[in-house]
């Protein structure tokens, strides 16, 4: 058996910061090096005839309503060593360090954790990692310190079979940020102004069974909500403006008061067992022939084993998507008392 060989992947950075919306025309760099080393000293020499580095992204969904649904998001392979140009590991030169630089496309979704599995050791969601595999074998006619002994060894020795050596995967985290607007912004001049452009939404009052308000008055209310399209990572508040107008008679309007207000921000999450048609047309997701179970993921969630054993239901065609929503605010932080003198404007 050949002496032990280890492979270590060391990227310059384990995170990739992407900006703006996913874009197939943009790209980012992921560089580093791979150390391949002979762990035990021996008179025998080894040759590395293949070393392949792989950057792979995957998305795994685990939901009670949908079961387990895996997806290969992206795969990039780079050959660092080939059989035509092998590298030799020996007692005199027991390690090689090879540099790499991968071009990562800018359309990839950000790293995220979602679904019903909350185990931090095996979180489901969207993840990326670097993998490396080498093929190692003994050099033909390996020499010994004794020429006579070498002849005896070569007479009785059988050629060892090539062995695959797999490196420990290195997680890579993809983050996506929105850039600041190109126009200049002076926070000291107007601290209340949001950094990003605002969006206006026309909303309609909905009747409340607990409030004794005539439906005709509710229909007369014209409401506009104004809030920023994006917020900065440094913001701890969200500017929100609600404008209310009414076209009822003045004597009725004078009796209307806003005695309290409650705001909430809800995050709506839509989970699907497969990418939508529009997503596949917009981004080069690997085809079904390169998806599980035809080509298994390199680092699947343990739920994949349970599914293969029939202990966990797979995603079914009948249940293709689920929508969930939850509040981003604590319940007590959503209520705001309005001034007693606030009134509706004409």
C-alpha atoms as a PDB file:
ATOM      1  CA  UNK A   1       0.000   0.000   0.000  1.00  0.00           C
ATOM      2  CA  UNK A   2       1.400   3.462  -0.895  1.00  0.00           C
ATOM      3  CA  UNK A   3       2.424   5.751   1.952  1.00  0.00           C
ATOM      4  CA  UNK A   4      -0.283   8.129   3.190  1.00  0.00           C
ATOM      5  CA  UNK A   5      -0.878  11.313   1.203  1.00  0.00           C
ATOM      6  CA  UNK A   6      -2.862  14.314   2.457  1.00  0.00           C
ATOM      7  CA  UNK A   7      -4.489  17.152   0.539  1.00  0.00           C
ATOM      8  CA  UNK A   8      -5.276  20.534   2.108  1.00  0.00           C
ATOM      9  CA  UNK A   9      -7.281  23.269   0.383  1.00  0.00           C
ATOM     10  CA  UNK A  10      -6.489  26.809   1.546  1.00  0.00           C
ATOM     11  CA  UNK A  11      -8.471  29.595  -0.140  1.00  0.00           C
ATOM     12  CA  UNK A  12      -7.345  33.196   0.283  1.00  0.00           C
ATOM     13  CA  UNK A  13     -10.832  33.978   1.575  1.00  0.00           C
ATOM     14  CA  UNK A  14     -13.734  31.701   2.459  1.00  0.00           C
ATOM     15  CA  UNK A  15     -16.356  34.289   1.507  1.00  0.00           C
ATOM     16  CA  UNK A  16     -17.410  35.887  -1.771  1.00  0.00           C
ATOM     17  CA  UNK A  17     -19.195  39.248  -1.589  1.00  0.00           C
ATOM     18  CA  UNK A  18     -21.470  39.860  -4.554  1.00  0.00           C
ATOM     19  CA  UNK A  19     -23.311  43.104  -5.275  1.00  0.00           C
ATOM     20  CA  UNK A  20     -26.677  44.023  -6.758  1.00  0.00           C
ATOM     21  CA  UNK A  21     -29.066  41.525  -8.333  1.00  0.00           C
ATOM     22  CA  UNK A  22     -27.848  38.202  -9.772  1.00  0.00           C
ATOM     23  CA  UNK A  23     -26.189  38.843 -13.123  1.00  0.00           C
ATOM     24  CA  UNK A  24     -24.855  36.323 -15.643  1.00  0.00           C
ATOM     25  CA  UNK A  25     -22.484  38.936 -17.098  1.00  0.00           C
ATOM     26  CA  UNK A  26     -20.608  39.536 -13.827  1.00  0.00           C
ATOM     27  CA  UNK A  27     -17.958  37.324 -12.217  1.00  0.00           C
ATOM     28  CA  UNK A  28     -15.842  37.096  -9.065  1.00  0.00           C
ATOM     29  CA  UNK A  29     -12.503  35.520  -8.227  1.00  0.00           C
ATOM     30  CA  UNK A  30     -11.838  32.715  -5.759  1.00  0.00           C
ATOM     31  CA  UNK A  31      -8.125  31.959  -5.395  1.00  0.00           C
ATOM     32  CA  UNK A  32      -5.854  30.009  -3.075  1.00  0.00           C
ATOM     33  CA  UNK A  33      -3.617  26.963  -3.093  1.00  0.00           C
ATOM     34  CA  UNK A  34      -3.674  23.220  -2.531  1.00  0.00           C
ATOM     35  CA  UNK A  35      -0.989  21.442  -0.524  1.00  0.00           C
ATOM     36  CA  UNK A  36      -0.423  17.792  -1.396  1.00  0.00           C
ATOM     37  CA  UNK A  37       1.980  16.133   1.022  1.00  0.00           C
ATOM     38  CA  UNK A  38       3.588  12.758   1.708  1.00  0.00           C
ATOM     39  CA  UNK A  39       2.722  12.070   5.349  1.00  0.00           C
ATOM     40  CA  UNK A  40       5.160   9.203   6.031  1.00  0.00           C
ATOM     41  CA  UNK A  41       8.826   9.073   5.070  1.00  0.00           C
ATOM     42  CA  UNK A  42       9.650   6.190   2.770  1.00  0.00           C
ATOM     43  CA  UNK A  43      12.252   5.188   0.216  1.00  0.00           C
ATOM     44  CA  UNK A  44       9.443   4.688  -2.263  1.00  0.00           C
ATOM     45  CA  UNK A  45       8.259   7.489  -4.516  1.00  0.00           C
ATOM     46  CA  UNK A  46       4.686   8.293  -5.454  1.00  0.00           C
ATOM     47  CA  UNK A  47       3.285   9.990  -8.479  1.00  0.00           C
ATOM     48  CA  UNK A  48       0.164  12.119  -8.537  1.00  0.00           C
ATOM     49  CA  UNK A  49      -1.402  11.559 -11.947  1.00  0.00           C
ATOM     50  CA  UNK A  50      -4.562  13.572 -11.344  1.00  0.00           C
ATOM     51  CA  UNK A  51      -5.651  16.414  -9.106  1.00  0.00           C
ATOM     52  CA  UNK A  52      -9.037  18.014  -9.685  1.00  0.00           C
ATOM     53  CA  UNK A  53     -10.489  20.949  -7.779  1.00  0.00           C
ATOM     54  CA  UNK A  54     -14.268  21.421  -7.733  1.00  0.00           C
ATOM     55  CA  UNK A  55     -16.370  24.356  -6.629  1.00  0.00           C
ATOM     56  CA  UNK A  56     -19.942  23.187  -6.162  1.00  0.00           C
ATOM     57  CA  UNK A  57     -23.126  24.833  -4.969  1.00  0.00           C
ATOM     58  CA  UNK A  58     -26.198  22.990  -3.801  1.00  0.00           C
ATOM     59  CA  UNK A  59     -29.624  23.756  -2.415  1.00  0.00           C
ATOM     60  CA  UNK A  60     -31.520  21.302  -0.226  1.00  0.00           C
ATOM     61  CA  UNK A  61     -35.075  21.807   0.954  1.00  0.00           C
ATOM     62  CA  UNK A  62     -36.537  19.930   3.918  1.00  0.00           C
ATOM     63  CA  UNK A  63     -40.156  20.723   4.748  1.00  0.00           C
ATOM     64  CA  UNK A  64     -42.867  18.664   6.389  1.00  0.00           C
ATOM     65  CA  UNK A  65     -45.237  19.575   3.548  1.00  0.00           C
ATOM     66  CA  UNK A  66     -42.805  18.892   0.706  1.00  0.00           C
ATOM     67  CA  UNK A  67     -40.329  16.314   1.992  1.00  0.00           C
ATOM     68  CA  UNK A  68     -36.698  16.390   0.826  1.00  0.00           C
ATOM     69  CA  UNK A  69     -35.765  18.110  -2.450  1.00  0.00           C
ATOM     70  CA  UNK A  70     -32.084  18.475  -3.507  1.00  0.00           C
ATOM     71  CA  UNK A  71     -30.750  20.675  -6.318  1.00  0.00           C
ATOM     72  CA  UNK A  72     -27.280  21.122  -7.766  1.00  0.00           C
ATOM     73  CA  UNK A  73     -26.978  24.875  -8.292  1.00  0.00           C
ATOM     74  CA  UNK A  74     -23.564  25.073  -9.935  1.00  0.00           C
ATOM     75  CA  UNK A  75     -20.427  23.010 -10.578  1.00  0.00           C
ATOM     76  CA  UNK A  76     -17.002  24.187 -11.722  1.00  0.00           C
ATOM     77  CA  UNK A  77     -14.121  21.721 -12.196  1.00  0.00           C
ATOM     78  CA  UNK A  78     -10.469  22.666 -12.665  1.00  0.00           C
ATOM     79  CA  UNK A  79      -7.723  20.162 -13.451  1.00  0.00           C
ATOM     80  CA  UNK A  80      -4.488  21.065 -11.656  1.00  0.00           C
ATOM     81  CA  UNK A  81      -2.496  17.886 -12.408  1.00  0.00           C
ATOM     82  CA  UNK A  82      -2.882  15.497 -15.339  1.00  0.00           C
ATOM     83  CA  UNK A  83      -1.377  12.112 -16.271  1.00  0.00           C
ATOM     84  CA  UNK A  84       0.682  13.752 -19.001  1.00  0.00           C
ATOM     85  CA  UNK A  85       2.385  15.979 -16.423  1.00  0.00           C
ATOM     86  CA  UNK A  86       2.370  14.115 -13.073  1.00  0.00           C
ATOM     87  CA  UNK A  87       4.109  15.301  -9.942  1.00  0.00           C
ATOM     88  CA  UNK A  88       6.427  13.091  -7.899  1.00  0.00           C
ATOM     89  CA  UNK A  89       6.415  12.822  -4.115  1.00  0.00           C
ATOM     90  CA  UNK A  90       9.552  11.366  -2.536  1.00  0.00           C
ATOM     91  CA  UNK A  91      11.650  11.554   0.617  1.00  0.00           C
ATOM     92  CA  UNK A  92      13.640  14.403  -0.961  1.00  0.00           C
ATOM     93  CA  UNK A  93      10.578  16.345  -2.145  1.00  0.00           C
ATOM     94  CA  UNK A  94       7.658  15.307   0.027  1.00  0.00           C
ATOM     95  CA  UNK A  95       5.181  18.133  -0.747  1.00  0.00           C
ATOM     96  CA  UNK A  96       3.863  20.305  -3.561  1.00  0.00           C
ATOM     97  CA  UNK A  97       1.837  23.475  -3.321  1.00  0.00           C
ATOM     98  CA  UNK A  98      -0.294  24.362  -6.332  1.00  0.00           C
ATOM     99  CA  UNK A  99      -2.054  27.703  -6.787  1.00  0.00           C
ATOM    100  CA  UNK A 100      -5.550  28.043  -8.233  1.00  0.00           C
ATOM    101  CA  UNK A 101      -7.828  30.853  -9.348  1.00  0.00           C
ATOM    102  CA  UNK A 102     -11.472  30.119 -10.102  1.00  0.00           C
ATOM    103  CA  UNK A 103     -13.897  32.417 -11.913  1.00  0.00           C
ATOM    104  CA  UNK A 104     -17.189  32.344  -9.987  1.00  0.00           C
ATOM    105  CA  UNK A 105     -20.267  33.625 -11.862  1.00  0.00           C
ATOM    106  CA  UNK A 106     -22.217  36.524 -10.394  1.00  0.00           C
ATOM    107  CA  UNK A 107     -25.675  34.964 -10.742  1.00  0.00           C
ATOM    108  CA  UNK A 108     -25.315  32.504  -7.862  1.00  0.00           C
ATOM    109  CA  UNK A 109     -27.835  32.805  -5.010  1.00  0.00           C
ATOM    110  CA  UNK A 110     -26.495  33.761  -1.592  1.00  0.00           C
ATOM    111  CA  UNK A 111     -25.652  31.201   1.067  1.00  0.00           C
ATOM    112  CA  UNK A 112     -28.735  30.691   3.199  1.00  0.00           C
ATOM    113  CA  UNK A 113     -30.237  28.345   5.780  1.00  0.00           C
ATOM    114  CA  UNK A 114     -33.926  27.528   5.487  1.00  0.00           C
ATOM    115  CA  UNK A 115     -36.447  24.765   5.949  1.00  0.00           C
ATOM    116  CA  UNK A 116     -37.508  22.710   8.943  1.00  0.00           C
ATOM    117  CA  UNK A 117     -34.079  21.321   9.821  1.00  0.00           C
ATOM    118  CA  UNK A 118     -32.365  23.469  12.466  1.00  0.00           C
ATOM    119  CA  UNK A 119     -29.373  21.220  13.188  1.00  0.00           C
ATOM    120  CA  UNK A 120     -26.319  23.507  12.851  1.00  0.00           C
ATOM    121  CA  UNK A 121     -24.124  20.505  11.995  1.00  0.00           C
ATOM    122  CA  UNK A 122     -26.160  19.633   8.900  1.00  0.00           C
ATOM    123  CA  UNK A 123     -28.215  22.680   7.990  1.00  0.00           C
ATOM    124  CA  UNK A 124     -30.374  22.507   4.902  1.00  0.00           C
ATOM    125  CA  UNK A 125     -30.489  25.427   2.497  1.00  0.00           C
ATOM    126  CA  UNK A 126     -28.116  26.868  -0.102  1.00  0.00           C
ATOM    127  CA  UNK A 127     -24.413  26.173   0.443  1.00  0.00           C
ATOM    128  CA  UNK A 128     -21.112  26.118  -1.429  1.00  0.00           C
ATOM    129  CA  UNK A 129     -17.828  24.296  -0.906  1.00  0.00           C
ATOM    130  CA  UNK A 130     -14.454  23.499  -2.447  1.00  0.00           C
ATOM    131  CA  UNK A 131     -13.600  19.833  -3.031  1.00  0.00           C
ATOM    132  CA  UNK A 132     -10.404  18.204  -4.279  1.00  0.00           C
ATOM    133  CA  UNK A 133      -9.589  14.655  -5.379  1.00  0.00           C
ATOM    134  CA  UNK A 134      -6.193  13.255  -6.362  1.00  0.00           C
ATOM    135  CA  UNK A 135      -5.154   9.939  -7.900  1.00  0.00           C
ATOM    136  CA  UNK A 136      -1.903   8.569  -6.435  1.00  0.00           C
ATOM    137  CA  UNK A 137       0.170   5.503  -7.322  1.00  0.00           C
ATOM    138  CA  UNK A 138       3.684   4.180  -6.813  1.00  0.00           C
ATOM    139  CA  UNK A 139       6.303   5.137  -9.347  1.00  0.00           C
ATOM    140  CA  UNK A 140       7.219   2.207 -11.581  1.00  0.00           C
ATOM    141  CA  UNK A 141      10.621   0.769 -10.669  1.00  0.00           C
ATOM    142  CA  UNK A 142      10.810   2.535  -7.300  1.00  0.00           C
ATOM    143  CA  UNK A 143      14.438   2.418  -6.075  1.00  0.00           C
ATOM    144  CA  UNK A 144      15.845   1.219  -2.803  1.00  0.00           C
ATOM    145  CA  UNK A 145      19.015   2.195  -0.955  1.00  0.00           C
ATOM    146  CA  UNK A 146      20.387  -1.186  -1.911  1.00  0.00           C
ATOM    147  CA  UNK A 147      20.556  -1.949  -5.639  1.00  0.00           C
ATOM    148  CA  UNK A 148      20.585  -5.700  -5.028  1.00  0.00           C
ATOM    149  CA  UNK A 149      17.625  -5.499  -2.710  1.00  0.00           C
ATOM    150  CA  UNK A 150      15.895  -3.329  -5.297  1.00  0.00           C
ATOM    151  CA  UNK A 151      16.305  -6.060  -7.889  1.00  0.00           C
ATOM    152  CA  UNK A 152      14.768  -8.596  -5.508  1.00  0.00           C
ATOM    153  CA  UNK A 153      11.875  -6.256  -4.772  1.00  0.00           C
ATOM    154  CA  UNK A 154      11.250  -5.561  -8.421  1.00  0.00           C
ATOM    155  CA  UNK A 155      11.188  -9.290  -9.075  1.00  0.00           C
ATOM    156  CA  UNK A 156       8.498 -10.023  -6.486  1.00  0.00           C
ATOM    157  CA  UNK A 157       6.668  -6.708  -6.457  1.00  0.00           C
ATOM    158  CA  UNK A 158       3.263  -6.316  -8.033  1.00  0.00           C
ATOM    159  CA  UNK A 159       2.303  -2.868  -9.276  1.00  0.00           C
ATOM    160  CA  UNK A 160       0.037  -1.092  -6.787  1.00  0.00           C
ATOM    161  CA  UNK A 161      -3.314   0.116  -7.977  1.00  0.00           C
ATOM    162  CA  UNK A 162      -3.910   3.874  -8.169  1.00  0.00           C
ATOM    163  CA  UNK A 163      -5.706   5.214  -5.122  1.00  0.00           C
ATOM    164  CA  UNK A 164      -8.016   8.196  -4.828  1.00  0.00           C
ATOM    165  CA  UNK A 165      -7.250  10.707  -2.085  1.00  0.00           C
ATOM    166  CA  UNK A 166     -10.031  13.129  -1.130  1.00  0.00           C
ATOM    167  CA  UNK A 167      -9.446  16.433   0.638  1.00  0.00           C
ATOM    168  CA  UNK A 168     -11.665  17.721   3.399  1.00  0.00           C
ATOM    169  CA  UNK A 169     -14.189  20.096   1.897  1.00  0.00           C
ATOM    170  CA  UNK A 170     -13.887  23.824   2.606  1.00  0.00           C
ATOM    171  CA  UNK A 171     -17.189  25.738   2.910  1.00  0.00           C
ATOM    172  CA  UNK A 172     -17.414  28.952   0.863  1.00  0.00           C
ATOM    173  CA  UNK A 173     -19.965  31.579   1.852  1.00  0.00           C
ATOM    174  CA  UNK A 174     -21.614  33.695  -0.838  1.00  0.00           C
ATOM    175  CA  UNK A 175     -23.172  36.979   0.319  1.00  0.00           C
ATOM    176  CA  UNK A 176     -25.100  39.497  -1.751  1.00  0.00           C
ATOM    177  CA  UNK A 177     -25.284  43.215  -1.015  1.00  0.00           C
ATOM    178  CA  UNK A 178     -26.934  46.257  -2.548  1.00  0.00           C
ATOM    179  CA  UNK A 179     -24.624  49.127  -3.452  1.00  0.00           C
ATOM    180  CA  UNK A 180     -25.262  52.652  -2.189  1.00  0.00           C
ATOM    181  CA  UNK A 181     -26.939  55.019  -4.663  1.00  0.00           C
ATOM    182  CA  UNK A 182     -24.582  56.883  -6.982  1.00  0.00           C
ATOM    183  CA  UNK A 183     -25.874  60.294  -5.896  1.00  0.00           C
ATOM    184  CA  UNK A 184     -24.175  61.982  -2.957  1.00  0.00           C
ATOM    185  CA  UNK A 185     -25.836  61.636   0.420  1.00  0.00           C
ATOM    186  CA  UNK A 186     -25.186  63.868   3.421  1.00  0.00           C
ATOM    187  CA  UNK A 187     -26.601  62.319   6.584  1.00  0.00           C
ATOM    188  CA  UNK A 188     -25.796  65.456   8.603  1.00  0.00           C
ATOM    189  CA  UNK A 189     -27.854  67.594   6.263  1.00  0.00           C
ATOM    190  CA  UNK A 190     -31.018  65.475   6.507  1.00  0.00           C
ATOM    191  CA  UNK A 191     -30.710  62.580   8.965  1.00  0.00           C
ATOM    192  CA  UNK A 192     -34.315  61.525   8.358  1.00  0.00           C
ATOM    193  CA  UNK A 193     -33.841  60.985   4.618  1.00  0.00           C
ATOM    194  CA  UNK A 194     -33.358  57.346   3.637  1.00  0.00           C
ATOM    195  CA  UNK A 195     -30.188  56.454   1.769  1.00  0.00           C
ATOM    196  CA  UNK A 196     -32.009  54.381  -0.833  1.00  0.00           C
ATOM    197  CA  UNK A 197     -34.907  55.557  -3.023  1.00  0.00           C
ATOM    198  CA  UNK A 198     -38.403  55.256  -1.596  1.00  0.00           C
ATOM    199  CA  UNK A 199     -41.342  53.369  -3.031  1.00  0.00           C
ATOM    200  CA  UNK A 200     -44.989  54.415  -2.831  1.00  0.00           C
ATOM    201  CA  UNK A 201     -47.824  51.976  -2.345  1.00  0.00           C
ATOM    202  CA  UNK A 202     -51.533  52.726  -2.523  1.00  0.00           C
ATOM    203  CA  UNK A 203     -53.396  50.711   0.076  1.00  0.00           C
ATOM    204  CA  UNK A 204     -57.054  50.214   0.837  1.00  0.00           C
ATOM    205  CA  UNK A 205     -58.652  50.140   4.263  1.00  0.00           C
ATOM    206  CA  UNK A 206     -60.116  46.798   5.222  1.00  0.00           C
ATOM    207  CA  UNK A 207     -63.187  46.531   7.497  1.00  0.00           C
ATOM    208  CA  UNK A 208     -62.610  45.390  11.057  1.00  0.00           C
ATOM    209  CA  UNK A 209     -65.411  43.480  12.747  1.00  0.00           C
ATOM    210  CA  UNK A 210     -64.321  44.837  16.143  1.00  0.00           C
ATOM    211  CA  UNK A 211     -64.539  48.491  15.075  1.00  0.00           C
ATOM    212  CA  UNK A 212     -67.896  50.149  14.523  1.00  0.00           C
ATOM    213  CA  UNK A 213     -66.889  52.170  11.455  1.00  0.00           C
ATOM    214  CA  UNK A 214     -69.313  52.504   8.549  1.00  0.00           C
ATOM    215  CA  UNK A 215     -68.079  50.876   5.359  1.00  0.00           C
ATOM    216  CA  UNK A 216     -68.743  54.063   3.387  1.00  0.00           C
ATOM    217  CA  UNK A 217     -66.163  55.915   5.486  1.00  0.00           C
ATOM    218  CA  UNK A 218     -63.579  53.166   5.000  1.00  0.00           C
ATOM    219  CA  UNK A 219     -64.116  53.293   1.251  1.00  0.00           C
ATOM    220  CA  UNK A 220     -63.535  57.059   1.296  1.00  0.00           C
ATOM    221  CA  UNK A 221     -60.059  56.704   2.789  1.00  0.00           C
ATOM    222  CA  UNK A 222     -57.174  57.188   0.377  1.00  0.00           C
ATOM    223  CA  UNK A 223     -53.952  55.858   1.890  1.00  0.00           C
ATOM    224  CA  UNK A 224     -50.371  55.937   0.589  1.00  0.00           C
ATOM    225  CA  UNK A 225     -47.497  54.125   2.293  1.00  0.00           C
ATOM    226  CA  UNK A 226     -43.953  55.350   1.623  1.00  0.00           C
ATOM    227  CA  UNK A 227     -40.914  53.298   2.622  1.00  0.00           C
ATOM    228  CA  UNK A 228     -37.389  52.728   1.252  1.00  0.00           C
ATOM    229  CA  UNK A 229     -36.815  50.050  -1.366  1.00  0.00           C
ATOM    230  CA  UNK A 230     -33.734  48.871   0.542  1.00  0.00           C
ATOM    231  CA  UNK A 231     -32.093  49.578   3.884  1.00  0.00           C
ATOM    232  CA  UNK A 232     -28.456  49.689   4.910  1.00  0.00           C
ATOM    233  CA  UNK A 233     -26.857  46.959   7.021  1.00  0.00           C
ATOM    234  CA  UNK A 234     -26.037  49.695   9.557  1.00  0.00           C
ATOM    235  CA  UNK A 235     -29.645  50.881   9.940  1.00  0.00           C
ATOM    236  CA  UNK A 236     -31.495  49.933  13.095  1.00  0.00           C
ATOM    237  CA  UNK A 237     -34.755  51.640  12.077  1.00  0.00           C
ATOM    238  CA  UNK A 238     -36.912  51.664   8.948  1.00  0.00           C
ATOM    239  CA  UNK A 239     -38.429  55.034   7.923  1.00  0.00           C
ATOM    240  CA  UNK A 240     -42.136  54.628   7.237  1.00  0.00           C
ATOM    241  CA  UNK A 241     -44.679  57.242   6.185  1.00  0.00           C
ATOM    242  CA  UNK A 242     -48.439  56.698   5.959  1.00  0.00           C
ATOM    243  CA  UNK A 243     -50.550  59.418   4.345  1.00  0.00           C
ATOM    244  CA  UNK A 244     -54.320  59.261   4.775  1.00  0.00           C
ATOM    245  CA  UNK A 245     -56.916  61.393   3.020  1.00  0.00           C
ATOM    246  CA  UNK A 246     -60.699  61.247   3.029  1.00  0.00           C
ATOM    247  CA  UNK A 247     -63.328  62.747   0.755  1.00  0.00           C
ATOM    248  CA  UNK A 248     -66.201  62.594   3.262  1.00  0.00           C
ATOM    249  CA  UNK A 249     -67.994  65.681   4.478  1.00  0.00           C
ATOM    250  CA  UNK A 250     -65.986  68.015   6.684  1.00  0.00           C
ATOM    251  CA  UNK A 251     -68.210  67.561   9.739  1.00  0.00           C
ATOM    252  CA  UNK A 252     -67.642  63.800   9.570  1.00  0.00           C
ATOM    253  CA  UNK A 253     -63.955  64.153   8.885  1.00  0.00           C
ATOM    254  CA  UNK A 254     -63.508  66.309  12.007  1.00  0.00           C
ATOM    255  CA  UNK A 255     -64.758  63.419  14.102  1.00  0.00           C
ATOM    256  CA  UNK A 256     -62.205  60.979  12.700  1.00  0.00           C
ATOM    257  CA  UNK A 257     -59.107  60.422  14.816  1.00  0.00           C
ATOM    258  CA  UNK A 258     -56.140  58.074  14.684  1.00  0.00           C
ATOM    259  CA  UNK A 259     -55.933  56.831  18.253  1.00  0.00           C
ATOM    260  CA  UNK A 260     -53.246  54.236  17.618  1.00  0.00           C
ATOM    261  CA  UNK A 261     -51.237  52.521  14.937  1.00  0.00           C
ATOM    262  CA  UNK A 262     -49.586  49.159  14.627  1.00  0.00           C
ATOM    263  CA  UNK A 263     -47.000  48.319  11.979  1.00  0.00           C
ATOM    264  CA  UNK A 264     -45.423  45.011  11.104  1.00  0.00           C
ATOM    265  CA  UNK A 265     -42.974  43.681   8.525  1.00  0.00           C
ATOM    266  CA  UNK A 266     -43.690  40.169   7.374  1.00  0.00           C
ATOM    267  CA  UNK A 267     -41.253  38.047   5.452  1.00  0.00           C
ATOM    268  CA  UNK A 268     -42.979  35.849   2.888  1.00  0.00           C
ATOM    269  CA  UNK A 269     -41.060  32.739   1.895  1.00  0.00           C
ATOM    270  CA  UNK A 270     -41.999  30.663  -1.136  1.00  0.00           C
ATOM    271  CA  UNK A 271     -40.445  27.212  -1.206  1.00  0.00           C
ATOM    272  CA  UNK A 272     -40.434  25.118  -4.381  1.00  0.00           C
ATOM    273  CA  UNK A 273     -39.284  21.552  -5.011  1.00  0.00           C
ATOM    274  CA  UNK A 274     -37.700  22.597  -8.320  1.00  0.00           C
ATOM    275  CA  UNK A 275     -36.535  25.891  -9.848  1.00  0.00           C
ATOM    276  CA  UNK A 276     -39.188  27.763 -11.780  1.00  0.00           C
ATOM    277  CA  UNK A 277     -39.141  27.863 -15.557  1.00  0.00           C
ATOM    278  CA  UNK A 278     -38.276  31.555 -15.595  1.00  0.00           C
ATOM    279  CA  UNK A 279     -35.315  30.947 -13.255  1.00  0.00           C
ATOM    280  CA  UNK A 280     -33.936  28.137 -15.425  1.00  0.00           C
ATOM    281  CA  UNK A 281     -34.288  30.310 -18.527  1.00  0.00           C
ATOM    282  CA  UNK A 282     -32.478  33.210 -16.831  1.00  0.00           C
ATOM    283  CA  UNK A 283     -29.616  31.298 -15.192  1.00  0.00           C
ATOM    284  CA  UNK A 284     -27.575  28.249 -16.324  1.00  0.00           C
ATOM    285  CA  UNK A 285     -28.688  25.742 -13.680  1.00  0.00           C
ATOM    286  CA  UNK A 286     -27.343  22.219 -14.441  1.00  0.00           C
ATOM    287  CA  UNK A 287     -29.850  20.125 -16.424  1.00  0.00           C
ATOM    288  CA  UNK A 288     -31.877  17.258 -14.911  1.00  0.00           C
ATOM    289  CA  UNK A 289     -29.301  14.732 -16.174  1.00  0.00           C
ATOM    290  CA  UNK A 290     -26.757  16.307 -13.778  1.00  0.00           C
ATOM    291  CA  UNK A 291     -29.156  16.480 -10.825  1.00  0.00           C
ATOM    292  CA  UNK A 292     -29.782  13.997  -8.001  1.00  0.00           C
ATOM    293  CA  UNK A 293     -30.420  11.120  -8.016  1.00  0.00           C
ATOM    294  CA  UNK A 294     -28.738  10.726 -11.451  1.00  0.00           C
ATOM    295  CA  UNK A 295     -25.622  12.518 -10.151  1.00  0.00           C
ATOM    296  CA  UNK A 296     -25.607  12.672  -6.320  1.00  0.00           C
ATOM    297  CA  UNK A 297     -24.477  15.787  -4.503  1.00  0.00           C
ATOM    298  CA  UNK A 298     -20.899  15.728  -3.215  1.00  0.00           C
ATOM    299  CA  UNK A 299     -21.926  16.643   0.340  1.00  0.00           C
ATOM    300  CA  UNK A 300     -25.613  15.803   0.740  1.00  0.00           C
ATOM    301  CA  UNK A 301     -27.671  16.312   3.868  1.00  0.00           C
ATOM    302  CA  UNK A 302     -28.200  13.170   6.004  1.00  0.00           C
ATOM    303  CA  UNK A 303     -31.854  13.377   4.971  1.00  0.00           C
ATOM    304  CA  UNK A 304     -30.824  12.120   1.527  1.00  0.00           C
ATOM    305  CA  UNK A 305     -29.841   8.783   3.075  1.00  0.00           C
ATOM    306  CA  UNK A 306     -33.166   8.576   4.894  1.00  0.00           C
ATOM    307  CA  UNK A 307     -34.965   9.273   1.630  1.00  0.00           C
ATOM    308  CA  UNK A 308     -32.982   6.588  -0.218  1.00  0.00           C
ATOM    309  CA  UNK A 309     -33.856   4.091   2.542  1.00  0.00           C
ATOM    310  CA  UNK A 310     -37.529   5.002   2.321  1.00  0.00           C
ATOM    311  CA  UNK A 311     -37.589   6.485   5.828  1.00  0.00           C
ATOM    312  CA  UNK A 312     -38.339  10.030   4.604  1.00  0.00           C
ATOM    313  CA  UNK A 313     -40.768  10.960   1.889  1.00  0.00           C
ATOM    314  CA  UNK A 314     -39.276  12.506  -1.255  1.00  0.00           C
ATOM    315  CA  UNK A 315     -40.688  15.620  -2.821  1.00  0.00           C
ATOM    316  CA  UNK A 316     -43.861  14.733  -4.727  1.00  0.00           C
ATOM    317  CA  UNK A 317     -45.034  16.329  -7.991  1.00  0.00           C
ATOM    318  CA  UNK A 318     -48.392  17.079  -6.406  1.00  0.00           C
ATOM    319  CA  UNK A 319     -46.869  19.362  -3.722  1.00  0.00           C
ATOM    320  CA  UNK A 320     -44.672  21.740  -5.715  1.00  0.00           C
ATOM    321  CA  UNK A 321     -44.556  24.798  -3.485  1.00  0.00           C
ATOM    322  CA  UNK A 322     -45.403  26.132  -0.048  1.00  0.00           C
ATOM    323  CA  UNK A 323     -45.712  29.756   1.092  1.00  0.00           C
ATOM    324  CA  UNK A 324     -44.877  30.696   4.662  1.00  0.00           C
ATOM    325  CA  UNK A 325     -44.790  34.075   6.335  1.00  0.00           C
ATOM    326  CA  UNK A 326     -43.553  35.357   9.673  1.00  0.00           C
ATOM    327  CA  UNK A 327     -43.041  38.699  11.343  1.00  0.00           C
ATOM    328  CA  UNK A 328     -39.598  40.295  11.534  1.00  0.00           C
ATOM    329  CA  UNK A 329     -40.610  42.422  14.527  1.00  0.00           C
ATOM    330  CA  UNK A 330     -41.200  41.414  18.139  1.00  0.00           C
ATOM    331  CA  UNK A 331     -44.909  41.814  18.851  1.00  0.00           C
ATOM    332  CA  UNK A 332     -44.397  44.552  21.451  1.00  0.00           C
ATOM    333  CA  UNK A 333     -42.226  46.609  19.071  1.00  0.00           C
ATOM    334  CA  UNK A 334     -44.859  46.864  16.370  1.00  0.00           C
ATOM    335  CA  UNK A 335     -47.279  49.078  18.285  1.00  0.00           C
ATOM    336  CA  UNK A 336     -46.959  52.841  18.163  1.00  0.00           C
ATOM    337  CA  UNK A 337     -49.267  55.256  19.931  1.00  0.00           C
ATOM    338  CA  UNK A 338     -50.468  58.142  17.774  1.00  0.00           C
ATOM    339  CA  UNK A 339     -50.802  61.701  19.157  1.00  0.00           C
ATOM    340  CA  UNK A 340     -54.317  62.442  20.352  1.00  0.00           C
ATOM    341  CA  UNK A 341     -54.546  65.523  18.107  1.00  0.00           C
ATOM    342  CA  UNK A 342     -53.759  63.660  14.894  1.00  0.00           C
ATOM    343  CA  UNK A 343     -56.608  63.982  12.416  1.00  0.00           C
ATOM    344  CA  UNK A 344     -57.268  63.051   8.844  1.00  0.00           C
ATOM    345  CA  UNK A 345     -56.437  65.656   6.228  1.00  0.00           C
ATOM    346  CA  UNK A 346     -58.653  66.704   3.362  1.00  0.00           C
END
